[in-house]
Structure formats: structure tokens, C-alpha cells
């Protein structure tokens, strides 16, 4: 028996807390002594991939059975992803303009800047030789790498939706698990994806989590239950696991989170029925989560540039007030972007 609930409000809550933890993790390079509030926050991306597979299967399986075309699916996903992605590029370019105004055009190569903008507008990684940030796949908005792989996974799902049965899904995520396990065993980071030198991990991360999410939605069994008591526990557990970082065996911790903890957490959350306060919190945080993820890095850069111009504070000397204030601003902008 599949979970009785079809709204999956608790999954919205997980997506919201994960977006906030990703944002907090990206303040590290902008704070004195590298204040690291979420050292395992990068694992939220794997949770996003898992949630995406689950929700995409829930939303589109029946539509594909009724004849939905690849083009119709692609148009729906473009409408969902592109507007905020383009908004992020716009904010990033405003930050570039502010930097040029403060430090001069010599801060950037004209060719690299134009190439980075062109590839970003096409939603494609920028080749290092043409990039203003050669180490990043998406130099104008680093976190966009995961959105790129999300689109790739969506395309594969749409092309094969009716043929992705239990065995084929299991084969995909089992093979991806073997790659992740081998990488962890050999000491390679499982957090790669944003940077070219670690991007080898990205295909395995998306293949495992996205298609396992599809599998869980289609084949997992369980009975729904009242979740108001459990929801704060799951949210606290989700946040705590990303705030924590083991002193040793970090790759094994990451592997366990990706292949065991996140699937269990999503499965449990998918069975919860929420009402009242916790449903409102879950829906609000889930609704603004994509905007937080898509906009937080360029917004943080803008605030950093403005702070530098007004107070003279160096980019790596901010304290906790900067983190709190900027986080509130990002959440406010994300809420505005979704609700207005």
C-alpha cells in the first residue's frame, strides 16, 4: 500500500530547511575565521535530488500514461525553473556592475564576462578557458550546477518515463551507488559538482538520488499518519545532520547520508499528514525554497559589495550579524518572488 496522503506537505518542509542550510553553508568564505554554520550543508543537494525524483514521479507519471509528450513536459519544467534562474543571473550581473564601478573594468576580462553570460543564459556550464570563474561550472551563480543536472535528469526521465520500471530504476541507482561507494572508499569527496575539479561526482549523485526518489514514490509502501508531532523532530534532525561534520571518515558519513539517511527521511516525511501551524510552516518554507536556492548566492554577493563600499569591511571579515541580516533579506526576497 502506498502512502494515503497525496499532498506530501512534510516534503515541502524538508525542502525549505535544506535550502536554508545550503545558504548558511555558503557564508563560510565571507566570514572571519571562516564561520562554518553548516559544514555538511552541501548534502542538501542530494536531498533536493531525491525530493525532486519523488515529486516529479508523483506529478507526471499519470500524465505520461495519458499521453503527455516530451515537449509538453519540457515546457512545464522550463516555466518552473527558468524565471528564477534568470532572475539570479540578473542579480549576479548587477553585482558584476557594482564591482566594476568600485574597482574598474580590469576586474574582469570582457570576453570572459560575455562568454560566461552567454553560457549562463543558455543554462550551460561555462568552459574554464572562457569563464570569469574558471573553477566553477556556473561562474555567475555557482549553485546553478545542480539545476543543470536536474534538467538532465528530468530529460532522461521524460524520455524513458513509461519504460522506467522497477528493475530499470533499481539498476540505475544501484550502479550510481557503486560509483559513490567506490569514490568514498578511495577518499574522494562526494560533494563535487559546482567545481570542474570535482564534477566527476555529480552524475552519480543525481543518478542515485533522483531515480531512487522516483522509485520510492512508485513502489514504497506505508500508511499515512498524523505528522504534527513528528514534523519538528524531522526538521531538527535534518538540520542537525547538516550542521554536524565528523572529525574523521567524512566520506563515509556523506555516503551514509546520501544512500541511507536521506531516503529514510523522505520516506518517513511522505507518510505524514500535517495540519495547522506545521502545515503552514512546511508549505511556506517549501514554496520559497527554490527562490532561496536560486537567488541566495548573487544576493549575498550584492550585500557583500554594498557593505564593502559603505563600511570598508573586507569580504572575509564579516561576522554573525552579516549572516543573520543577509539571510533574512534572502528569505524576504524569496517570499516576494513567490507570492507577489
Protein backbone atom coordinates (compact mmCIF):
# COMPACT_ATOMS: atom_id res chain seq x y z
CA UNK A 1 0.00 0.00 0.00
CA UNK A 2 1.33 3.43 -0.93
CA UNK A 3 1.06 6.33 1.50
CA UNK A 4 -2.54 7.58 1.56
CA UNK A 5 -1.65 11.26 1.55
CA UNK A 6 -1.22 12.88 -1.85
CA UNK A 7 -0.14 16.36 -0.76
CA UNK A 8 3.19 15.49 0.87
CA UNK A 9 3.26 18.71 2.90
CA UNK A 10 6.11 17.42 5.06
CA UNK A 11 8.32 17.12 1.98
CA UNK A 12 7.85 20.85 1.46
CA UNK A 13 9.22 21.38 4.94
CA UNK A 14 12.29 19.28 4.24
CA UNK A 15 12.95 21.22 1.06
CA UNK A 16 12.66 24.50 2.93
CA UNK A 17 15.08 23.63 5.73
CA UNK A 18 17.52 22.17 3.20
CA UNK A 19 17.53 25.42 1.18
CA UNK A 20 18.31 27.44 4.31
CA UNK A 21 21.18 25.12 5.26
CA UNK A 22 22.69 25.38 1.77
CA UNK A 23 22.56 29.15 2.08
CA UNK A 24 24.20 29.14 5.51
CA UNK A 25 26.98 26.92 4.21
CA UNK A 26 27.83 29.48 1.52
CA UNK A 27 28.64 32.20 4.05
CA UNK A 28 31.83 30.41 5.03
CA UNK A 29 34.14 32.31 2.69
CA UNK A 30 32.68 35.67 3.72
CA UNK A 31 33.13 35.48 7.47
CA UNK A 32 36.03 36.00 9.84
CA UNK A 33 37.72 32.72 10.79
CA UNK A 34 35.57 31.09 8.07
CA UNK A 35 32.49 30.75 10.27
CA UNK A 36 31.08 27.43 9.09
CA UNK A 37 27.46 27.16 10.19
CA UNK A 38 26.60 24.15 8.02
CA UNK A 39 29.74 22.18 7.17
CA UNK A 40 27.67 19.32 5.74
CA UNK A 41 25.17 21.64 4.06
CA UNK A 42 26.27 20.51 0.60
CA UNK A 43 24.48 17.23 1.29
CA UNK A 44 21.21 19.15 1.00
CA UNK A 45 21.70 18.95 -2.77
CA UNK A 46 21.34 15.17 -2.63
CA UNK A 47 18.18 15.63 -0.58
CA UNK A 48 16.90 18.05 -3.24
CA UNK A 49 17.62 15.49 -5.97
CA UNK A 50 15.79 12.79 -4.01
CA UNK A 51 12.79 15.03 -3.35
CA UNK A 52 12.73 16.07 -6.98
CA UNK A 53 12.57 12.50 -8.24
CA UNK A 54 9.79 11.70 -5.79
CA UNK A 55 7.73 14.78 -6.66
CA UNK A 56 8.31 14.57 -10.42
CA UNK A 57 7.10 10.96 -10.44
CA UNK A 58 4.07 11.94 -8.38
CA UNK A 59 3.20 14.88 -10.62
CA UNK A 60 3.89 13.42 -14.06
CA UNK A 61 3.59 9.62 -14.05
CA UNK A 62 -0.14 9.70 -14.66
CA UNK A 63 0.21 12.48 -17.24
CA UNK A 64 2.71 10.43 -19.24
CA UNK A 65 0.38 7.43 -19.10
CA UNK A 66 -2.34 9.67 -20.55
CA UNK A 67 -0.15 10.74 -23.45
CA UNK A 68 1.87 13.74 -22.29
CA UNK A 69 4.67 14.45 -24.77
CA UNK A 70 8.32 15.18 -24.06
CA UNK A 71 7.81 18.72 -25.36
CA UNK A 72 4.88 19.38 -23.04
CA UNK A 73 6.92 18.13 -20.09
CA UNK A 74 9.92 20.25 -21.10
CA UNK A 75 7.76 23.36 -21.39
CA UNK A 76 6.32 22.76 -17.92
CA UNK A 77 9.77 22.35 -16.38
CA UNK A 78 11.13 25.43 -18.18
CA UNK A 79 8.25 27.51 -16.85
CA UNK A 80 9.03 26.19 -13.37
CA UNK A 81 12.82 26.61 -13.37
CA UNK A 82 13.83 29.35 -15.77
CA UNK A 83 12.26 32.57 -14.38
CA UNK A 84 14.06 32.47 -11.02
CA UNK A 85 17.20 31.15 -12.68
CA UNK A 86 17.22 34.18 -14.99
CA UNK A 87 16.49 36.44 -12.02
CA UNK A 88 19.61 35.03 -10.36
CA UNK A 89 21.65 35.87 -13.47
CA UNK A 90 20.26 39.40 -13.42
CA UNK A 91 21.22 39.90 -9.77
CA UNK A 92 24.65 38.41 -10.45
CA UNK A 93 25.21 40.84 -13.32
CA UNK A 94 24.16 43.71 -11.07
CA UNK A 95 26.88 42.54 -8.69
CA UNK A 96 29.36 42.48 -11.55
CA UNK A 97 28.35 46.03 -12.44
CA UNK A 98 28.84 47.16 -8.84
CA UNK A 99 32.27 45.53 -8.73
CA UNK A 100 33.28 47.24 -11.96
CA UNK A 101 32.04 50.57 -10.60
CA UNK A 102 34.20 50.13 -7.49
CA UNK A 103 37.33 48.53 -8.92
CA UNK A 104 37.21 49.21 -12.66
CA UNK A 105 36.67 47.01 -15.69
CA UNK A 106 40.07 45.43 -15.15
CA UNK A 107 38.33 43.24 -12.54
CA UNK A 108 37.01 41.17 -15.44
CA UNK A 109 38.01 40.17 -18.95
CA UNK A 110 35.38 41.45 -21.39
CA UNK A 111 35.47 38.24 -23.41
CA UNK A 112 35.24 36.01 -20.34
CA UNK A 113 32.38 38.06 -18.93
CA UNK A 114 30.40 37.93 -22.18
CA UNK A 115 31.08 34.20 -22.60
CA UNK A 116 30.06 33.47 -19.01
CA UNK A 117 26.84 35.43 -19.52
CA UNK A 118 26.09 33.72 -22.83
CA UNK A 119 26.60 30.20 -21.50
CA UNK A 120 24.60 31.04 -18.37
CA UNK A 121 21.67 32.31 -20.43
CA UNK A 122 21.75 29.02 -22.33
CA UNK A 123 21.75 27.16 -18.98
CA UNK A 124 25.07 25.51 -19.89
CA UNK A 125 28.36 25.22 -17.96
CA UNK A 126 30.96 27.78 -18.98
CA UNK A 127 34.24 26.27 -20.28
CA UNK A 128 37.10 27.23 -17.92
CA UNK A 129 39.05 28.95 -20.69
CA UNK A 130 36.15 31.38 -21.26
CA UNK A 131 35.00 31.88 -17.69
CA UNK A 132 35.22 34.72 -15.17
CA UNK A 133 35.40 31.95 -12.57
CA UNK A 134 37.38 29.15 -14.24
CA UNK A 135 36.92 26.74 -11.35
CA UNK A 136 33.10 26.91 -11.46
CA UNK A 137 30.68 25.34 -13.93
CA UNK A 138 28.38 28.34 -13.49
CA UNK A 139 30.58 31.29 -12.52
CA UNK A 140 27.75 33.83 -12.24
CA UNK A 141 25.72 31.70 -9.85
CA UNK A 142 27.61 28.69 -8.54
CA UNK A 143 24.66 26.65 -7.17
CA UNK A 144 23.11 26.55 -10.66
CA UNK A 145 25.23 23.46 -11.38
CA UNK A 146 22.66 21.32 -9.57
CA UNK A 147 19.82 22.88 -11.57
CA UNK A 148 21.67 21.93 -14.75
CA UNK A 149 21.92 18.30 -13.63
CA UNK A 150 18.31 18.47 -12.51
CA UNK A 151 17.33 19.36 -16.07
CA UNK A 152 19.42 16.49 -17.42
CA UNK A 153 17.73 14.03 -15.05
CA UNK A 154 14.32 15.46 -15.95
CA UNK A 155 15.07 14.95 -19.65
CA UNK A 156 16.12 11.33 -19.09
CA UNK A 157 13.00 10.72 -17.00
CA UNK A 158 10.72 12.23 -19.65
CA UNK A 159 12.36 10.30 -22.48
CA UNK A 160 12.09 6.98 -20.65
CA UNK A 161 9.20 7.56 -18.26
CA UNK A 162 6.98 4.69 -19.40
CA UNK A 163 9.96 2.33 -19.66
CA UNK A 164 11.48 3.13 -16.26
CA UNK A 165 10.03 0.15 -14.45
CA UNK A 166 11.13 -1.25 -11.10
CA UNK A 167 14.15 -3.17 -12.41
CA UNK A 168 15.50 -0.40 -14.64
CA UNK A 169 15.20 2.17 -11.85
CA UNK A 170 16.93 -0.21 -9.44
CA UNK A 171 19.70 -0.78 -11.97
CA UNK A 172 20.30 2.96 -12.36
CA UNK A 173 20.52 3.84 -8.69
CA UNK A 174 22.40 0.64 -7.84
CA UNK A 175 25.10 1.44 -10.38
CA UNK A 176 25.27 5.02 -9.11
CA UNK A 177 25.57 3.70 -5.56
CA UNK A 178 28.55 1.57 -6.56
CA UNK A 179 30.26 4.63 -8.05
CA UNK A 180 29.59 6.69 -4.91
CA UNK A 181 30.78 3.88 -2.65
CA UNK A 182 33.97 3.44 -4.66
CA UNK A 183 34.65 7.17 -4.52
CA UNK A 184 34.10 7.25 -0.76
CA UNK A 185 36.33 4.20 -0.29
CA UNK A 186 39.09 5.87 -2.29
CA UNK A 187 38.78 9.08 -0.28
CA UNK A 188 37.23 11.24 -2.98
CA UNK A 189 34.77 13.94 -1.95
CA UNK A 190 31.11 13.16 -2.62
CA UNK A 191 30.28 16.86 -2.53
CA UNK A 192 31.56 17.62 -6.02
CA UNK A 193 29.53 19.27 -8.73
CA UNK A 194 29.94 23.02 -8.51
CA UNK A 195 33.65 22.97 -9.42
CA UNK A 196 35.20 21.45 -12.51
CA UNK A 197 37.80 19.57 -10.48
CA UNK A 198 35.13 17.69 -8.54
CA UNK A 199 32.39 17.39 -11.11
CA UNK A 200 33.00 13.66 -11.56
CA UNK A 201 30.80 13.07 -8.51
CA UNK A 202 27.83 14.98 -9.90
CA UNK A 203 26.43 12.38 -12.37
CA UNK A 204 26.50 9.68 -9.69
CA UNK A 205 24.84 11.98 -7.14
CA UNK A 206 21.95 12.92 -9.43
CA UNK A 207 21.55 9.40 -10.86
CA UNK A 208 21.34 7.81 -7.42
CA UNK A 209 19.12 10.28 -5.61
CA UNK A 210 16.76 11.37 -8.40
CA UNK A 211 15.92 7.89 -9.65
CA UNK A 212 15.70 6.47 -6.14
CA UNK A 213 13.18 9.25 -5.47
CA UNK A 214 11.16 8.07 -8.46
CA UNK A 215 11.38 4.50 -7.16
CA UNK A 216 10.23 5.45 -3.65
CA UNK A 217 7.19 7.30 -4.98
CA UNK A 218 6.14 4.42 -7.20
CA UNK A 219 6.89 1.39 -5.09
CA UNK A 220 7.37 2.31 -1.41
CA UNK A 221 4.68 1.06 0.93
CA UNK A 222 3.29 2.58 4.08
CA UNK A 223 0.31 4.12 5.81
CA UNK A 224 -0.02 7.86 6.39
CA UNK A 225 -0.28 9.19 9.92
CA UNK A 226 -0.77 12.47 11.75
CA UNK A 227 2.56 14.26 11.49
CA UNK A 228 2.30 17.36 13.68
CA UNK A 229 4.22 15.63 16.46
CA UNK A 230 6.89 14.20 14.17
CA UNK A 231 7.48 17.16 11.86
CA UNK A 232 9.59 19.29 14.23
CA UNK A 233 11.67 16.20 15.04
CA UNK A 234 12.34 15.51 11.36
CA UNK A 235 13.21 19.16 10.68
CA UNK A 236 15.58 19.29 13.65
CA UNK A 237 17.19 16.01 12.58
CA UNK A 238 17.58 17.23 9.01
CA UNK A 239 19.21 20.49 10.14
CA UNK A 240 21.37 18.84 12.77
CA UNK A 241 22.82 16.32 10.35
CA UNK A 242 23.95 19.14 8.05
CA UNK A 243 25.32 21.27 10.88
CA UNK A 244 27.38 18.30 12.11
CA UNK A 245 30.65 17.26 10.49
CA UNK A 246 32.66 14.26 11.73
CA UNK A 247 36.33 14.75 12.55
CA UNK A 248 37.25 11.64 10.56
CA UNK A 249 35.76 9.35 7.90
CA UNK A 250 33.86 12.26 6.39
CA UNK A 251 33.37 10.46 3.06
CA UNK A 252 31.70 7.52 4.80
CA UNK A 253 29.45 9.93 6.68
CA UNK A 254 28.49 11.57 3.40
CA UNK A 255 27.83 8.20 1.78
CA UNK A 256 25.62 7.10 4.66
CA UNK A 257 23.67 10.35 4.48
CA UNK A 258 23.11 10.07 0.74
CA UNK A 259 22.19 6.38 0.50
CA UNK A 260 20.58 5.69 3.89
CA UNK A 261 19.53 8.72 5.91
CA UNK A 262 18.01 10.93 3.23
CA UNK A 263 15.93 8.11 1.66
CA UNK A 264 14.65 7.14 5.10
CA UNK A 265 13.84 10.76 5.94
CA UNK A 266 11.94 11.29 2.69
CA UNK A 267 10.05 8.04 3.13
CA UNK A 268 9.02 8.98 6.67
CA UNK A 269 8.05 12.53 5.70
CA UNK A 270 5.98 11.31 2.74
CA UNK A 271 3.72 9.45 5.17
CA UNK A 272 2.95 12.42 7.42
CA UNK A 273 -0.29 14.40 7.34
CA UNK A 274 0.17 17.94 8.59
CA UNK A 275 -2.38 20.49 9.77
CA UNK A 276 -2.48 23.93 11.34
CA UNK A 277 0.81 25.59 12.25
CA UNK A 278 3.17 22.91 10.99
CA UNK A 279 1.39 22.60 7.67
CA UNK A 280 1.58 26.38 7.19
CA UNK A 281 5.30 26.40 8.06
CA UNK A 282 6.03 23.48 5.75
CA UNK A 283 4.14 24.97 2.82
CA UNK A 284 5.68 28.43 3.25
CA UNK A 285 9.24 27.14 3.51
CA UNK A 286 8.76 24.73 0.63
CA UNK A 287 7.18 27.37 -1.59
CA UNK A 288 10.13 29.75 -1.20
CA UNK A 289 12.86 27.09 -1.16
CA UNK A 290 13.63 27.24 -4.87
CA UNK A 291 13.86 31.03 -4.79
CA UNK A 292 16.23 30.82 -1.81
CA UNK A 293 18.41 28.34 -3.66
CA UNK A 294 18.39 30.17 -6.99
CA UNK A 295 18.94 33.68 -5.61
CA UNK A 296 20.96 33.42 -2.40
CA UNK A 297 24.48 33.43 -3.85
CA UNK A 298 24.08 36.54 -6.06
CA UNK A 299 22.18 38.30 -3.27
CA UNK A 300 24.93 37.53 -0.77
CA UNK A 301 27.47 38.95 -3.22
CA UNK A 302 25.44 42.14 -3.68
CA UNK A 303 25.16 42.70 0.07
CA UNK A 304 28.87 41.98 0.49
CA UNK A 305 29.77 44.54 -2.19
CA UNK A 306 27.49 47.18 -0.67
CA UNK A 307 28.88 46.53 2.80
CA UNK A 308 32.42 46.82 1.50
CA UNK A 309 31.66 50.11 -0.23
CA UNK A 310 29.95 51.63 2.83
CA UNK A 311 31.99 50.28 5.75
CA UNK A 312 35.20 49.10 4.12
CA UNK A 313 34.72 45.61 5.56
CA UNK A 314 36.75 43.04 3.65
CA UNK A 315 34.87 40.13 2.06
CA UNK A 316 36.27 37.57 4.51
CA UNK A 317 35.84 39.59 7.70
CA UNK A 318 32.09 39.57 8.25
CA UNK A 319 30.58 38.33 11.48
CA UNK A 320 27.36 36.65 12.57
CA UNK A 321 25.23 39.84 12.22
CA UNK A 322 26.08 39.88 8.50
CA UNK A 323 24.98 36.26 8.18
CA UNK A 324 21.71 36.80 10.06
CA UNK A 325 20.82 40.05 8.30
CA UNK A 326 21.63 38.77 4.83
CA UNK A 327 19.75 35.51 5.45
CA UNK A 328 16.65 37.46 6.47
CA UNK A 329 16.97 39.55 3.30
CA UNK A 330 17.29 36.44 1.11
CA UNK A 331 14.22 34.85 2.71
CA UNK A 332 12.25 38.09 2.29
CA UNK A 333 13.22 38.38 -1.38
CA UNK A 334 12.39 34.70 -1.94
CA UNK A 335 8.96 35.17 -0.35
CA UNK A 336 8.36 38.25 -2.50
CA UNK A 337 9.42 36.35 -5.63
CA UNK A 338 6.98 33.54 -4.92
CA UNK A 339 3.94 35.32 -3.53
CA UNK A 340 3.92 38.71 -5.28
